[in-house]
């Protein structure tokens, strides 16, 4: 995904990540952008909301690093940042379920 704009590698804290996921509209956008990039117009049509409303939700996803962004002319394309999703989910497990095997596995992977 080298064509995407570089994004700040900020640590998303688990609460910010959970807030970003807590909204139904953002969940719809994330699912729609999961495995391919989508233009803002396509996202607007898919979720059935106005462009300013969709842009607001995309800004929240962008600020938490949950989407990749690519500009092409006047259009902007978004795709779900699956690596970031996996990383944040792993961090949630480490913080809120540290004694589970899954959290231990994530910890082992992140240490390598």
C-alpha atoms as a PDB file:
ATOM      1  CA  UNK A   1       0.000   0.000   0.000  1.00  0.00           C
ATOM      2  CA  UNK A   2       2.861   2.305  -0.810  1.00  0.00           C
ATOM      3  CA  UNK A   3       0.610   4.663  -2.772  1.00  0.00           C
ATOM      4  CA  UNK A   4      -1.176   5.779   0.374  1.00  0.00           C
ATOM      5  CA  UNK A   5      -0.285   8.965   2.190  1.00  0.00           C
ATOM      6  CA  UNK A   6       2.097   8.352   5.040  1.00  0.00           C
ATOM      7  CA  UNK A   7       0.306   8.667   8.331  1.00  0.00           C
ATOM      8  CA  UNK A   8       1.597   9.614  11.719  1.00  0.00           C
ATOM      9  CA  UNK A   9       2.559   6.523  13.639  1.00  0.00           C
ATOM     10  CA  UNK A  10       0.823   7.618  16.775  1.00  0.00           C
ATOM     11  CA  UNK A  11      -0.116   5.155  19.442  1.00  0.00           C
ATOM     12  CA  UNK A  12      -3.877   4.834  19.559  1.00  0.00           C
ATOM     13  CA  UNK A  13      -4.891   4.245  23.123  1.00  0.00           C
ATOM     14  CA  UNK A  14      -7.464   1.512  23.681  1.00  0.00           C
ATOM     15  CA  UNK A  15     -10.193   3.940  24.724  1.00  0.00           C
ATOM     16  CA  UNK A  16      -9.779   6.094  21.575  1.00  0.00           C
ATOM     17  CA  UNK A  17      -9.839   2.937  19.457  1.00  0.00           C
ATOM     18  CA  UNK A  18     -13.018   1.736  21.194  1.00  0.00           C
ATOM     19  CA  UNK A  19     -14.650   5.153  20.711  1.00  0.00           C
ATOM     20  CA  UNK A  20     -13.833   5.070  16.996  1.00  0.00           C
ATOM     21  CA  UNK A  21     -15.438   1.632  16.742  1.00  0.00           C
ATOM     22  CA  UNK A  22     -18.457   2.484  18.887  1.00  0.00           C
ATOM     23  CA  UNK A  23     -20.402   4.289  16.185  1.00  0.00           C
ATOM     24  CA  UNK A  24     -22.638   2.303  13.815  1.00  0.00           C
ATOM     25  CA  UNK A  25     -21.862   4.583  10.873  1.00  0.00           C
ATOM     26  CA  UNK A  26     -18.104   4.175  11.346  1.00  0.00           C
ATOM     27  CA  UNK A  27     -18.573   0.417  11.561  1.00  0.00           C
ATOM     28  CA  UNK A  28     -20.440   0.475   8.233  1.00  0.00           C
ATOM     29  CA  UNK A  29     -17.693   2.588   6.671  1.00  0.00           C
ATOM     30  CA  UNK A  30     -14.979   0.273   7.991  1.00  0.00           C
ATOM     31  CA  UNK A  31     -16.752  -2.831   6.704  1.00  0.00           C
ATOM     32  CA  UNK A  32     -17.289  -1.207   3.296  1.00  0.00           C
ATOM     33  CA  UNK A  33     -13.621  -0.183   3.040  1.00  0.00           C
ATOM     34  CA  UNK A  34     -12.292  -3.427   4.468  1.00  0.00           C
ATOM     35  CA  UNK A  35     -10.760  -5.142   1.485  1.00  0.00           C
ATOM     36  CA  UNK A  36     -10.659  -2.470  -1.188  1.00  0.00           C
ATOM     37  CA  UNK A  37     -10.341   1.267  -1.413  1.00  0.00           C
ATOM     38  CA  UNK A  38     -13.458   3.362  -1.830  1.00  0.00           C
ATOM     39  CA  UNK A  39     -14.032   6.953  -2.879  1.00  0.00           C
ATOM     40  CA  UNK A  40     -15.857   9.347  -0.591  1.00  0.00           C
ATOM     41  CA  UNK A  41     -18.756   9.347  -3.077  1.00  0.00           C
ATOM     42  CA  UNK A  42     -19.028   5.561  -2.914  1.00  0.00           C
ATOM     43  CA  UNK A  43     -18.989   5.659   0.885  1.00  0.00           C
ATOM     44  CA  UNK A  44     -21.674   8.379   0.956  1.00  0.00           C
ATOM     45  CA  UNK A  45     -23.889   6.300  -1.336  1.00  0.00           C
ATOM     46  CA  UNK A  46     -23.302   3.124   0.667  1.00  0.00           C
ATOM     47  CA  UNK A  47     -24.096   4.554   4.104  1.00  0.00           C
ATOM     48  CA  UNK A  48     -26.887   6.840   2.852  1.00  0.00           C
ATOM     49  CA  UNK A  49     -25.705   9.962   4.643  1.00  0.00           C
ATOM     50  CA  UNK A  50     -24.593  13.391   3.522  1.00  0.00           C
ATOM     51  CA  UNK A  51     -21.023  14.006   2.413  1.00  0.00           C
ATOM     52  CA  UNK A  52     -20.251  16.302   5.397  1.00  0.00           C
ATOM     53  CA  UNK A  53     -21.475  13.642   7.839  1.00  0.00           C
ATOM     54  CA  UNK A  54     -19.412  10.933   6.149  1.00  0.00           C
ATOM     55  CA  UNK A  55     -16.381  13.238   6.088  1.00  0.00           C
ATOM     56  CA  UNK A  56     -16.764  13.774   9.847  1.00  0.00           C
ATOM     57  CA  UNK A  57     -16.701  10.023  10.457  1.00  0.00           C
ATOM     58  CA  UNK A  58     -13.791   9.520   8.051  1.00  0.00           C
ATOM     59  CA  UNK A  59     -11.845  12.203   9.941  1.00  0.00           C
ATOM     60  CA  UNK A  60     -12.276  10.271  13.187  1.00  0.00           C
ATOM     61  CA  UNK A  61     -11.114   7.059  11.493  1.00  0.00           C
ATOM     62  CA  UNK A  62      -8.196   8.932   9.910  1.00  0.00           C
ATOM     63  CA  UNK A  63      -7.145  10.567  13.185  1.00  0.00           C
ATOM     64  CA  UNK A  64      -6.983   7.183  14.894  1.00  0.00           C
ATOM     65  CA  UNK A  65      -5.070   5.697  11.953  1.00  0.00           C
ATOM     66  CA  UNK A  66      -7.775   3.191  11.127  1.00  0.00           C
ATOM     67  CA  UNK A  67      -7.922   4.041   7.423  1.00  0.00           C
ATOM     68  CA  UNK A  68      -5.355   4.521   4.677  1.00  0.00           C
ATOM     69  CA  UNK A  69      -5.873   7.572   2.476  1.00  0.00           C
ATOM     70  CA  UNK A  70      -4.937   8.040  -1.170  1.00  0.00           C
ATOM     71  CA  UNK A  71      -5.494  11.205  -3.182  1.00  0.00           C
ATOM     72  CA  UNK A  72      -6.014  11.066  -6.936  1.00  0.00           C
ATOM     73  CA  UNK A  73      -6.775  14.403  -8.519  1.00  0.00           C
ATOM     74  CA  UNK A  74      -9.761  15.841  -6.694  1.00  0.00           C
ATOM     75  CA  UNK A  75     -10.851  12.479  -5.302  1.00  0.00           C
ATOM     76  CA  UNK A  76      -9.852  10.871  -2.030  1.00  0.00           C
ATOM     77  CA  UNK A  77      -9.907   7.117  -1.546  1.00  0.00           C
ATOM     78  CA  UNK A  78     -10.052   5.250   1.746  1.00  0.00           C
ATOM     79  CA  UNK A  79      -9.177   1.688   2.699  1.00  0.00           C
ATOM     80  CA  UNK A  80      -9.256   0.039   6.100  1.00  0.00           C
ATOM     81  CA  UNK A  81      -5.848  -0.115   7.778  1.00  0.00           C
ATOM     82  CA  UNK A  82      -6.045  -3.782   8.736  1.00  0.00           C
ATOM     83  CA  UNK A  83      -2.609  -3.765  10.378  1.00  0.00           C
ATOM     84  CA  UNK A  84      -3.718  -0.959  12.683  1.00  0.00           C
ATOM     85  CA  UNK A  85      -6.955  -2.786  13.512  1.00  0.00           C
ATOM     86  CA  UNK A  86      -5.031  -5.930  14.436  1.00  0.00           C
ATOM     87  CA  UNK A  87      -2.519  -3.943  16.477  1.00  0.00           C
ATOM     88  CA  UNK A  88      -5.201  -2.065  18.393  1.00  0.00           C
ATOM     89  CA  UNK A  89      -7.175  -5.240  19.077  1.00  0.00           C
ATOM     90  CA  UNK A  90      -3.996  -6.838  20.379  1.00  0.00           C
ATOM     91  CA  UNK A  91      -3.355  -3.854  22.625  1.00  0.00           C
ATOM     92  CA  UNK A  92      -6.916  -4.087  23.959  1.00  0.00           C
ATOM     93  CA  UNK A  93      -6.314  -7.712  24.868  1.00  0.00           C
ATOM     94  CA  UNK A  94      -3.057  -6.864  26.610  1.00  0.00           C
ATOM     95  CA  UNK A  95      -4.688  -4.098  28.655  1.00  0.00           C
ATOM     96  CA  UNK A  96      -8.067  -5.620  29.483  1.00  0.00           C
ATOM     97  CA  UNK A  97      -7.433  -9.393  29.304  1.00  0.00           C
ATOM     98  CA  UNK A  98      -3.724  -9.745  30.095  1.00  0.00           C
ATOM     99  CA  UNK A  99      -4.027 -13.212  31.590  1.00  0.00           C
ATOM    100  CA  UNK A 100      -5.492 -14.845  28.481  1.00  0.00           C
ATOM    101  CA  UNK A 101      -3.557 -17.035  26.059  1.00  0.00           C
ATOM    102  CA  UNK A 102      -4.477 -14.669  23.227  1.00  0.00           C
ATOM    103  CA  UNK A 103      -2.920 -11.697  25.058  1.00  0.00           C
ATOM    104  CA  UNK A 104       0.219 -13.723  25.709  1.00  0.00           C
ATOM    105  CA  UNK A 105       0.411 -14.643  22.026  1.00  0.00           C
ATOM    106  CA  UNK A 106       0.061 -10.984  21.011  1.00  0.00           C
ATOM    107  CA  UNK A 107       2.744 -10.001  23.503  1.00  0.00           C
ATOM    108  CA  UNK A 108       5.094 -12.639  22.100  1.00  0.00           C
ATOM    109  CA  UNK A 109       4.477 -11.488  18.525  1.00  0.00           C
ATOM    110  CA  UNK A 110       4.928  -7.808  19.364  1.00  0.00           C
ATOM    111  CA  UNK A 111       8.263  -8.527  21.075  1.00  0.00           C
ATOM    112  CA  UNK A 112       9.746 -10.089  17.934  1.00  0.00           C
END
